[in-house]
Amino acid sequence: GIYRHFDSKQQLAGEAFDYAWKLAIDTRFEGTQDIP
């Protein structure tokens, strides 16, 4: 069921990192765009 959606553990790990990193970077920059 897992590998029906991913070619390998490596691919899943990479996309899991992308997900975690996007959440981290969006949280860290939150509100900064509103400050001149």
PDB file of all heavy atoms in Angstrom:
ATOM      1  N   GLY A   1       0.813  -1.212   0.000  1.00  0.00           N
ATOM      2  CA  GLY A   1       0.000   0.000   0.000  1.00  0.00           C
ATOM      3  C   GLY A   1       0.846   1.262   0.000  1.00  0.00           C
ATOM      4  O   GLY A   1       0.481   2.273  -0.612  1.00  0.00           O
ATOM      5  N   ILE A   2       1.986   1.177   0.681  1.00  0.00           N
ATOM      6  CA  ILE A   2       2.898   2.325   0.717  1.00  0.00           C
ATOM      7  C   ILE A   2       3.617   2.469  -0.617  1.00  0.00           C
ATOM      8  O   ILE A   2       3.642   3.541  -1.236  1.00  0.00           O
ATOM      9  CB  ILE A   2       3.924   2.179   1.859  1.00  0.00           C
ATOM     10  CG1 ILE A   2       3.209   2.239   3.212  1.00  0.00           C
ATOM     11  CG2 ILE A   2       4.992   3.260   1.763  1.00  0.00           C
ATOM     12  CD1 ILE A   2       4.108   1.965   4.401  1.00  0.00           C
ATOM     13  N   TYR A   3       4.196   1.358  -1.088  1.00  0.00           N
ATOM     14  CA  TYR A   3       5.025   1.433  -2.288  1.00  0.00           C
ATOM     15  C   TYR A   3       4.221   1.423  -3.577  1.00  0.00           C
ATOM     16  O   TYR A   3       4.792   1.461  -4.663  1.00  0.00           O
ATOM     17  CB  TYR A   3       6.071   0.323  -2.245  1.00  0.00           C
ATOM     18  CG  TYR A   3       7.119   0.602  -1.187  1.00  0.00           C
ATOM     19  CD1 TYR A   3       7.348  -0.289  -0.156  1.00  0.00           C
ATOM     20  CD2 TYR A   3       7.846   1.795  -1.209  1.00  0.00           C
ATOM     21  CE1 TYR A   3       8.289  -0.030   0.834  1.00  0.00           C
ATOM     22  CE2 TYR A   3       8.786   2.067  -0.231  1.00  0.00           C
ATOM     23  CZ  TYR A   3       8.996   1.160   0.785  1.00  0.00           C
ATOM     24  OH  TYR A   3       9.926   1.454   1.746  1.00  0.00           O
ATOM     25  N   ARG A   4       2.900   1.417  -3.453  1.00  0.00           N
ATOM     26  CA  ARG A   4       2.077   1.668  -4.620  1.00  0.00           C
ATOM     27  C   ARG A   4       2.187   3.139  -5.028  1.00  0.00           C
ATOM     28  O   ARG A   4       1.973   3.498  -6.193  1.00  0.00           O
ATOM     29  CB  ARG A   4       0.615   1.326  -4.322  1.00  0.00           C
ATOM     30  CG  ARG A   4      -0.335   1.473  -5.517  1.00  0.00           C
ATOM     31  CD  ARG A   4      -1.761   1.067  -5.166  1.00  0.00           C
ATOM     32  NE  ARG A   4      -1.822  -0.318  -4.732  1.00  0.00           N
ATOM     33  CZ  ARG A   4      -2.267  -0.700  -3.536  1.00  0.00           C
ATOM     34  NH1 ARG A   4      -2.673   0.201  -2.654  1.00  0.00           N
ATOM     35  NH2 ARG A   4      -2.317  -1.979  -3.217  1.00  0.00           N
ATOM     36  N   HIS A   5       2.535   3.972  -4.049  1.00  0.00           N
ATOM     37  CA  HIS A   5       2.596   5.419  -4.286  1.00  0.00           C
ATOM     38  C   HIS A   5       4.026   5.958  -4.388  1.00  0.00           C
ATOM     39  O   HIS A   5       4.219   7.110  -4.788  1.00  0.00           O
ATOM     40  CB  HIS A   5       1.870   6.152  -3.157  1.00  0.00           C
ATOM     41  CG  HIS A   5       0.420   5.786  -3.045  1.00  0.00           C
ATOM     42  ND1 HIS A   5      -0.562   6.366  -3.807  1.00  0.00           N
ATOM     43  CD2 HIS A   5      -0.204   4.857  -2.252  1.00  0.00           C
ATOM     44  CE1 HIS A   5      -1.734   5.841  -3.493  1.00  0.00           C
ATOM     45  NE2 HIS A   5      -1.545   4.933  -2.560  1.00  0.00           N
ATOM     46  N   PHE A   6       5.013   5.138  -4.034  1.00  0.00           N
ATOM     47  CA  PHE A   6       6.406   5.588  -4.043  1.00  0.00           C
ATOM     48  C   PHE A   6       7.281   4.498  -4.625  1.00  0.00           C
ATOM     49  O   PHE A   6       7.080   3.314  -4.357  1.00  0.00           O
ATOM     50  CB  PHE A   6       6.875   5.935  -2.619  1.00  0.00           C
ATOM     51  CG  PHE A   6       6.048   7.001  -1.967  1.00  0.00           C
ATOM     52  CD1 PHE A   6       4.949   6.658  -1.191  1.00  0.00           C
ATOM     53  CD2 PHE A   6       6.355   8.344  -2.151  1.00  0.00           C
ATOM     54  CE1 PHE A   6       4.162   7.638  -0.605  1.00  0.00           C
ATOM     55  CE2 PHE A   6       5.574   9.334  -1.562  1.00  0.00           C
ATOM     56  CZ  PHE A   6       4.474   8.977  -0.788  1.00  0.00           C
ATOM     57  N   ASP A   7       8.277   4.901  -5.389  1.00  0.00           N
ATOM     58  CA  ASP A   7       9.165   3.933  -6.023  1.00  0.00           C
ATOM     59  C   ASP A   7      10.074   3.260  -5.010  1.00  0.00           C
ATOM     60  O   ASP A   7      10.516   2.129  -5.228  1.00  0.00           O
ATOM     61  CB  ASP A   7      10.028   4.622  -7.092  1.00  0.00           C
ATOM     62  CG  ASP A   7       9.195   5.131  -8.260  1.00  0.00           C
ATOM     63  OD1 ASP A   7       8.091   4.582  -8.476  1.00  0.00           O
ATOM     64  OD2 ASP A   7       9.635   6.080  -8.927  1.00  0.00           O
ATOM     65  N   SER A   8      10.390   3.955  -3.920  1.00  0.00           N
ATOM     66  CA  SER A   8      11.363   3.429  -2.959  1.00  0.00           C
ATOM     67  C   SER A   8      11.246   4.172  -1.636  1.00  0.00           C
ATOM     68  O   SER A   8      10.598   5.219  -1.541  1.00  0.00           O
ATOM     69  CB  SER A   8      12.786   3.612  -3.508  1.00  0.00           C
ATOM     70  OG  SER A   8      13.064   5.002  -3.657  1.00  0.00           O
ATOM     71  N   LYS A   9      11.891   3.646  -0.633  1.00  0.00           N
ATOM     72  CA  LYS A   9      11.989   4.328   0.663  1.00  0.00           C
ATOM     73  C   LYS A   9      12.721   5.659   0.489  1.00  0.00           C
ATOM     74  O   LYS A   9      12.396   6.644   1.146  1.00  0.00           O
ATOM     75  CB  LYS A   9      12.729   3.429   1.664  1.00  0.00           C
ATOM     76  CG  LYS A   9      12.912   4.041   3.039  1.00  0.00           C
ATOM     77  CD  LYS A   9      13.716   3.116   3.944  1.00  0.00           C
ATOM     78  CE  LYS A   9      13.975   3.738   5.299  1.00  0.00           C
ATOM     79  NZ  LYS A   9      14.822   2.882   6.170  1.00  0.00           N
ATOM     80  N   GLN A  10      13.703   5.675  -0.404  1.00  0.00           N
ATOM     81  CA  GLN A  10      14.459   6.897  -0.666  1.00  0.00           C
ATOM     82  C   GLN A  10      13.538   8.015  -1.158  1.00  0.00           C
ATOM     83  O   GLN A  10      13.636   9.165  -0.698  1.00  0.00           O
ATOM     84  CB  GLN A  10      15.538   6.625  -1.714  1.00  0.00           C
ATOM     85  CG  GLN A  10      16.415   7.826  -2.045  1.00  0.00           C
ATOM     86  CD  GLN A  10      17.461   8.095  -0.981  1.00  0.00           C
ATOM     87  OE1 GLN A  10      18.160   7.181  -0.570  1.00  0.00           O
ATOM     88  NE2 GLN A  10      17.556   9.331  -0.532  1.00  0.00           N
ATOM     89  N   GLN A  11      12.652   7.704  -2.071  1.00  0.00           N
ATOM     90  CA  GLN A  11      11.734   8.708  -2.587  1.00  0.00           C
ATOM     91  C   GLN A  11      10.800   9.206  -1.497  1.00  0.00           C
ATOM     92  O   GLN A  11      10.561  10.417  -1.364  1.00  0.00           O
ATOM     93  CB  GLN A  11      10.905   8.143  -3.747  1.00  0.00           C
ATOM     94  CG  GLN A  11       9.988   9.195  -4.376  1.00  0.00           C
ATOM     95  CD  GLN A  11       9.068   8.618  -5.425  1.00  0.00           C
ATOM     96  OE1 GLN A  11       8.749   7.433  -5.424  1.00  0.00           O
ATOM     97  NE2 GLN A  11       8.626   9.461  -6.355  1.00  0.00           N
ATOM     98  N   LEU A  12      10.278   8.287  -0.677  1.00  0.00           N
ATOM     99  CA  LEU A  12       9.396   8.673   0.425  1.00  0.00           C
ATOM    100  C   LEU A  12      10.135   9.559   1.413  1.00  0.00           C
ATOM    101  O   LEU A  12       9.596  10.579   1.870  1.00  0.00           O
ATOM    102  CB  LEU A  12       8.836   7.436   1.112  1.00  0.00           C
ATOM    103  CG  LEU A  12       7.980   7.678   2.361  1.00  0.00           C
ATOM    104  CD1 LEU A  12       6.825   8.632   2.056  1.00  0.00           C
ATOM    105  CD2 LEU A  12       7.461   6.353   2.918  1.00  0.00           C
ATOM    106  N   ALA A  13      11.365   9.206   1.743  1.00  0.00           N
ATOM    107  CA  ALA A  13      12.154  10.005   2.687  1.00  0.00           C
ATOM    108  C   ALA A  13      12.385  11.414   2.142  1.00  0.00           C
ATOM    109  O   ALA A  13      12.304  12.404   2.878  1.00  0.00           O
ATOM    110  CB  ALA A  13      13.489   9.329   2.970  1.00  0.00           C
ATOM    111  N   GLY A  14      12.673  11.508   0.850  1.00  0.00           N
ATOM    112  CA  GLY A  14      12.904  12.808   0.241  1.00  0.00           C
ATOM    113  C   GLY A  14      11.666  13.686   0.276  1.00  0.00           C
ATOM    114  O   GLY A  14      11.742  14.881   0.593  1.00  0.00           O
ATOM    115  N   GLU A  15      10.521  13.104  -0.024  1.00  0.00           N
ATOM    116  CA  GLU A  15       9.292  13.893  -0.020  1.00  0.00           C
ATOM    117  C   GLU A  15       8.834  14.198   1.395  1.00  0.00           C
ATOM    118  O   GLU A  15       8.205  15.246   1.638  1.00  0.00           O
ATOM    119  CB  GLU A  15       8.217  13.168  -0.831  1.00  0.00           C
ATOM    120  CG  GLU A  15       8.620  13.002  -2.294  1.00  0.00           C
ATOM    121  CD  GLU A  15       7.445  12.775  -3.210  1.00  0.00           C
ATOM    122  OE1 GLU A  15       6.346  13.291  -2.925  1.00  0.00           O
ATOM    123  OE2 GLU A  15       7.638  12.074  -4.226  1.00  0.00           O
ATOM    124  N   ALA A  16       9.139  13.315   2.336  1.00  0.00           N
ATOM    125  CA  ALA A  16       8.840  13.599   3.742  1.00  0.00           C
ATOM    126  C   ALA A  16       9.688  14.774   4.231  1.00  0.00           C
ATOM    127  O   ALA A  16       9.212  15.628   4.984  1.00  0.00           O
ATOM    128  CB  ALA A  16       9.100  12.366   4.596  1.00  0.00           C
ATOM    129  N   PHE A  17      10.951  14.829   3.800  1.00  0.00           N
ATOM    130  CA  PHE A  17      11.791  15.976   4.145  1.00  0.00           C
ATOM    131  C   PHE A  17      11.233  17.258   3.541  1.00  0.00           C
ATOM    132  O   PHE A  17      11.156  18.295   4.205  1.00  0.00           O
ATOM    133  CB  PHE A  17      13.226  15.771   3.672  1.00  0.00           C
ATOM    134  CG  PHE A  17      14.058  17.020   3.806  1.00  0.00           C
ATOM    135  CD1 PHE A  17      14.547  17.417   5.036  1.00  0.00           C
ATOM    136  CD2 PHE A  17      14.322  17.814   2.689  1.00  0.00           C
ATOM    137  CE1 PHE A  17      15.276  18.603   5.167  1.00  0.00           C
ATOM    138  CE2 PHE A  17      15.057  18.989   2.808  1.00  0.00           C
ATOM    139  CZ  PHE A  17      15.534  19.375   4.052  1.00  0.00           C
ATOM    140  N   ASP A  18      10.840  17.203   2.262  1.00  0.00           N
ATOM    141  CA  ASP A  18      10.275  18.387   1.607  1.00  0.00           C
ATOM    142  C   ASP A  18       9.064  18.908   2.377  1.00  0.00           C
ATOM    143  O   ASP A  18       8.898  20.125   2.568  1.00  0.00           O
ATOM    144  CB  ASP A  18       9.862  18.057   0.172  1.00  0.00           C
ATOM    145  CG  ASP A  18      11.048  17.829  -0.748  1.00  0.00           C
ATOM    146  OD1 ASP A  18      12.167  18.274  -0.417  1.00  0.00           O
ATOM    147  OD2 ASP A  18      10.852  17.192  -1.805  1.00  0.00           O
ATOM    148  N   TYR A  19       8.215  17.991   2.823  1.00  0.00           N
ATOM    149  CA  TYR A  19       7.013  18.367   3.581  1.00  0.00           C
ATOM    150  C   TYR A  19       7.400  19.028   4.900  1.00  0.00           C
ATOM    151  O   TYR A  19       6.883  20.103   5.253  1.00  0.00           O
ATOM    152  CB  TYR A  19       6.156  17.123   3.832  1.00  0.00           C
ATOM    153  CG  TYR A  19       5.042  17.334   4.830  1.00  0.00           C
ATOM    154  CD1 TYR A  19       3.817  17.872   4.429  1.00  0.00           C
ATOM    155  CD2 TYR A  19       5.210  16.999   6.175  1.00  0.00           C
ATOM    156  CE1 TYR A  19       2.794  18.074   5.341  1.00  0.00           C
ATOM    157  CE2 TYR A  19       4.193  17.201   7.091  1.00  0.00           C
ATOM    158  CZ  TYR A  19       2.993  17.739   6.676  1.00  0.00           C
ATOM    159  OH  TYR A  19       1.985  17.947   7.585  1.00  0.00           O
ATOM    160  N   ALA A  20       8.320  18.396   5.642  1.00  0.00           N
ATOM    161  CA  ALA A  20       8.728  18.921   6.937  1.00  0.00           C
ATOM    162  C   ALA A  20       9.427  20.265   6.785  1.00  0.00           C
ATOM    163  O   ALA A  20       9.227  21.184   7.594  1.00  0.00           O
ATOM    164  CB  ALA A  20       9.640  17.920   7.646  1.00  0.00           C
ATOM    165  N   TRP A  21      10.251  20.391   5.753  1.00  0.00           N
ATOM    166  CA  TRP A  21      10.990  21.633   5.555  1.00  0.00           C
ATOM    167  C   TRP A  21      10.064  22.778   5.158  1.00  0.00           C
ATOM    168  O   TRP A  21      10.221  23.907   5.639  1.00  0.00           O
ATOM    169  CB  TRP A  21      12.075  21.439   4.507  1.00  0.00           C
ATOM    170  CG  TRP A  21      12.798  22.718   4.217  1.00  0.00           C
ATOM    171  CD1 TRP A  21      12.851  23.397   3.039  1.00  0.00           C
ATOM    172  CD2 TRP A  21      13.569  23.493   5.146  1.00  0.00           C
ATOM    173  NE1 TRP A  21      13.589  24.543   3.170  1.00  0.00           N
ATOM    174  CE2 TRP A  21      14.047  24.628   4.455  1.00  0.00           C
ATOM    175  CE3 TRP A  21      13.889  23.331   6.491  1.00  0.00           C
ATOM    176  CZ2 TRP A  21      14.828  25.597   5.069  1.00  0.00           C
ATOM    177  CZ3 TRP A  21      14.675  24.302   7.103  1.00  0.00           C
ATOM    178  CH2 TRP A  21      15.136  25.422   6.396  1.00  0.00           C
ATOM    179  N   LYS A  22       9.090  22.523   4.303  1.00  0.00           N
ATOM    180  CA  LYS A  22       8.153  23.586   3.912  1.00  0.00           C
ATOM    181  C   LYS A  22       7.397  24.106   5.128  1.00  0.00           C
ATOM    182  O   LYS A  22       7.217  25.320   5.297  1.00  0.00           O
ATOM    183  CB  LYS A  22       7.170  23.085   2.857  1.00  0.00           C
ATOM    184  CG  LYS A  22       6.249  24.199   2.338  1.00  0.00           C
ATOM    185  CD  LYS A  22       5.299  23.722   1.273  1.00  0.00           C
ATOM    186  CE  LYS A  22       4.518  24.895   0.660  1.00  0.00           C
ATOM    187  NZ  LYS A  22       3.874  25.780   1.631  1.00  0.00           N
ATOM    188  N   LEU A  23       6.979  23.201   5.991  1.00  0.00           N
ATOM    189  CA  LEU A  23       6.277  23.618   7.203  1.00  0.00           C
ATOM    190  C   LEU A  23       7.192  24.466   8.073  1.00  0.00           C
ATOM    191  O   LEU A  23       6.783  25.509   8.609  1.00  0.00           O
ATOM    192  CB  LEU A  23       5.794  22.390   7.975  1.00  0.00           C
ATOM    193  CG  LEU A  23       5.013  22.656   9.258  1.00  0.00           C
ATOM    194  CD1 LEU A  23       3.755  23.472   8.971  1.00  0.00           C
ATOM    195  CD2 LEU A  23       4.641  21.339   9.934  1.00  0.00           C
ATOM    196  N   ALA A  24       8.455  24.062   8.202  1.00  0.00           N
ATOM    197  CA  ALA A  24       9.409  24.793   9.033  1.00  0.00           C
ATOM    198  C   ALA A  24       9.690  26.175   8.460  1.00  0.00           C
ATOM    199  O   ALA A  24       9.643  27.184   9.182  1.00  0.00           O
ATOM    200  CB  ALA A  24      10.708  23.996   9.160  1.00  0.00           C
ATOM    201  N   ILE A  25       9.986  26.256   7.186  1.00  0.00           N
ATOM    202  CA  ILE A  25      10.377  27.547   6.600  1.00  0.00           C
ATOM    203  C   ILE A  25       9.187  28.498   6.546  1.00  0.00           C
ATOM    204  O   ILE A  25       9.334  29.710   6.782  1.00  0.00           O
ATOM    205  CB  ILE A  25      11.015  27.345   5.198  1.00  0.00           C
ATOM    206  CG1 ILE A  25      11.941  28.529   4.861  1.00  0.00           C
ATOM    207  CG2 ILE A  25       9.981  27.134   4.133  1.00  0.00           C
ATOM    208  CD1 ILE A  25      13.201  28.570   5.661  1.00  0.00           C
ATOM    209  N   ASP A  26       7.983  27.987   6.273  1.00  0.00           N
ATOM    210  CA  ASP A  26       6.798  28.850   6.257  1.00  0.00           C
ATOM    211  C   ASP A  26       6.512  29.403   7.650  1.00  0.00           C
ATOM    212  O   ASP A  26       6.142  30.578   7.800  1.00  0.00           O
ATOM    213  CB  ASP A  26       5.578  28.075   5.749  1.00  0.00           C
ATOM    214  CG  ASP A  26       5.626  27.808   4.256  1.00  0.00           C
ATOM    215  OD1 ASP A  26       6.509  28.368   3.571  1.00  0.00           O
ATOM    216  OD2 ASP A  26       4.789  27.017   3.774  1.00  0.00           O
ATOM    217  N   THR A  27       6.694  28.570   8.678  1.00  0.00           N
ATOM    218  CA  THR A  27       6.468  29.000  10.061  1.00  0.00           C
ATOM    219  C   THR A  27       7.480  30.055  10.474  1.00  0.00           C
ATOM    220  O   THR A  27       7.142  31.046  11.132  1.00  0.00           O
ATOM    221  CB  THR A  27       6.544  27.793  11.008  1.00  0.00           C
ATOM    222  OG1 THR A  27       5.521  26.851  10.659  1.00  0.00           O
ATOM    223  CG2 THR A  27       6.343  28.210  12.460  1.00  0.00           C
ATOM    224  N   ARG A  28       8.721  29.870  10.086  1.00  0.00           N
ATOM    225  CA  ARG A  28       9.779  30.803  10.488  1.00  0.00           C
ATOM    226  C   ARG A  28       9.655  32.167   9.821  1.00  0.00           C
ATOM    227  O   ARG A  28      10.018  33.175  10.410  1.00  0.00           O
ATOM    228  CB  ARG A  28      11.145  30.176  10.189  1.00  0.00           C
ATOM    229  CG  ARG A  28      11.447  28.998  11.097  1.00  0.00           C
ATOM    230  CD  ARG A  28      12.619  28.185  10.616  1.00  0.00           C
ATOM    231  NE  ARG A  28      12.847  27.042  11.492  1.00  0.00           N
ATOM    232  CZ  ARG A  28      13.753  26.103  11.258  1.00  0.00           C
ATOM    233  NH1 ARG A  28      14.509  26.170  10.177  1.00  0.00           N
ATOM    234  NH2 ARG A  28      13.894  25.095  12.102  1.00  0.00           N
ATOM    235  N   PHE A  29       9.140  32.200   8.607  1.00  0.00           N
ATOM    236  CA  PHE A  29       8.989  33.480   7.912  1.00  0.00           C
ATOM    237  C   PHE A  29       7.589  34.077   8.094  1.00  0.00           C
ATOM    238  O   PHE A  29       7.315  35.151   7.562  1.00  0.00           O
ATOM    239  CB  PHE A  29       9.274  33.312   6.418  1.00  0.00           C
ATOM    240  CG  PHE A  29      10.732  33.339   6.077  1.00  0.00           C
ATOM    241  CD1 PHE A  29      11.428  32.157   5.857  1.00  0.00           C
ATOM    242  CD2 PHE A  29      11.432  34.540   5.989  1.00  0.00           C
ATOM    243  CE1 PHE A  29      12.789  32.163   5.544  1.00  0.00           C
ATOM    244  CE2 PHE A  29      12.778  34.564   5.676  1.00  0.00           C
ATOM    245  CZ  PHE A  29      13.464  33.375   5.461  1.00  0.00           C
ATOM    246  N   GLU A  30       6.737  33.409   8.849  1.00  0.00           N
ATOM    247  CA  GLU A  30       5.363  33.868   9.011  1.00  0.00           C
ATOM    248  C   GLU A  30       5.318  35.286   9.588  1.00  0.00           C
ATOM    249  O   GLU A  30       5.940  35.585  10.599  1.00  0.00           O
ATOM    250  CB  GLU A  30       4.598  32.910   9.925  1.00  0.00           C
ATOM    251  CG  GLU A  30       3.123  33.210  10.019  1.00  0.00           C
ATOM    252  CD  GLU A  30       2.356  32.143  10.796  1.00  0.00           C
ATOM    253  OE1 GLU A  30       2.950  31.100  11.131  1.00  0.00           O
ATOM    254  OE2 GLU A  30       1.168  32.367  11.060  1.00  0.00           O
ATOM    255  N   GLY A  31       4.582  36.142   8.935  1.00  0.00           N
ATOM    256  CA  GLY A  31       4.410  37.508   9.400  1.00  0.00           C
ATOM    257  C   GLY A  31       5.482  38.473   8.940  1.00  0.00           C
ATOM    258  O   GLY A  31       5.294  39.697   9.018  1.00  0.00           O
ATOM    259  N   THR A  32       6.602  37.973   8.460  1.00  0.00           N
ATOM    260  CA  THR A  32       7.685  38.886   8.063  1.00  0.00           C
ATOM    261  C   THR A  32       7.310  39.719   6.848  1.00  0.00           C
ATOM    262  O   THR A  32       7.780  40.849   6.706  1.00  0.00           O
ATOM    263  CB  THR A  32       8.985  38.105   7.764  1.00  0.00           C
ATOM    264  OG1 THR A  32       8.745  37.151   6.714  1.00  0.00           O
ATOM    265  CG2 THR A  32       9.472  37.355   9.001  1.00  0.00           C
ATOM    266  N   GLN A  33       6.454  39.171   5.994  1.00  0.00           N
ATOM    267  CA  GLN A  33       6.083  39.909   4.786  1.00  0.00           C
ATOM    268  C   GLN A  33       5.237  41.142   5.107  1.00  0.00           C
ATOM    269  O   GLN A  33       5.090  42.037   4.270  1.00  0.00           O
ATOM    270  CB  GLN A  33       5.325  38.987   3.805  1.00  0.00           C
ATOM    271  CG  GLN A  33       3.967  38.545   4.288  1.00  0.00           C
ATOM    272  CD  GLN A  33       4.017  37.346   5.220  1.00  0.00           C
ATOM    273  OE1 GLN A  33       5.089  36.861   5.587  1.00  0.00           O
ATOM    274  NE2 GLN A  33       2.837  36.853   5.599  1.00  0.00           N
ATOM    275  N   ASP A  34       4.675  41.205   6.313  1.00  0.00           N
ATOM    276  CA  ASP A  34       3.826  42.334   6.697  1.00  0.00           C
ATOM    277  C   ASP A  34       4.625  43.479   7.326  1.00  0.00           C
ATOM    278  O   ASP A  34       4.050  44.519   7.656  1.00  0.00           O
ATOM    279  CB  ASP A  34       2.751  41.867   7.691  1.00  0.00           C
ATOM    280  CG  ASP A  34       1.863  40.776   7.102  1.00  0.00           C
ATOM    281  OD1 ASP A  34       1.553  40.866   5.896  1.00  0.00           O
ATOM    282  OD2 ASP A  34       1.475  39.857   7.840  1.00  0.00           O
ATOM    283  N   ILE A  35       5.917  43.288   7.520  1.00  0.00           N
ATOM    284  CA  ILE A  35       6.755  44.289   8.172  1.00  0.00           C
ATOM    285  C   ILE A  35       7.603  44.999   7.116  1.00  0.00           C
ATOM    286  O   ILE A  35       8.362  44.353   6.390  1.00  0.00           O
ATOM    287  CB  ILE A  35       7.661  43.625   9.228  1.00  0.00           C
ATOM    288  CG1 ILE A  35       6.793  42.977  10.306  1.00  0.00           C
ATOM    289  CG2 ILE A  35       8.611  44.644   9.846  1.00  0.00           C
ATOM    290  CD1 ILE A  35       7.580  42.222  11.354  1.00  0.00           C
ATOM    291  N   PRO A  36       7.494  46.319   7.003  1.00  0.00           N
ATOM    292  CA  PRO A  36       8.217  47.026   5.945  1.00  0.00           C
ATOM    293  C   PRO A  36       9.722  47.135   6.172  1.00  0.00           C
ATOM    294  O   PRO A  36      10.494  47.097   5.209  1.00  0.00           O
ATOM    295  CB  PRO A  36       7.559  48.416   5.942  1.00  0.00           C
ATOM    296  CG  PRO A  36       6.975  48.570   7.314  1.00  0.00           C
ATOM    297  CD  PRO A  36       6.569  47.198   7.744  1.00  0.00           C
TER     298      PRO A  36
END
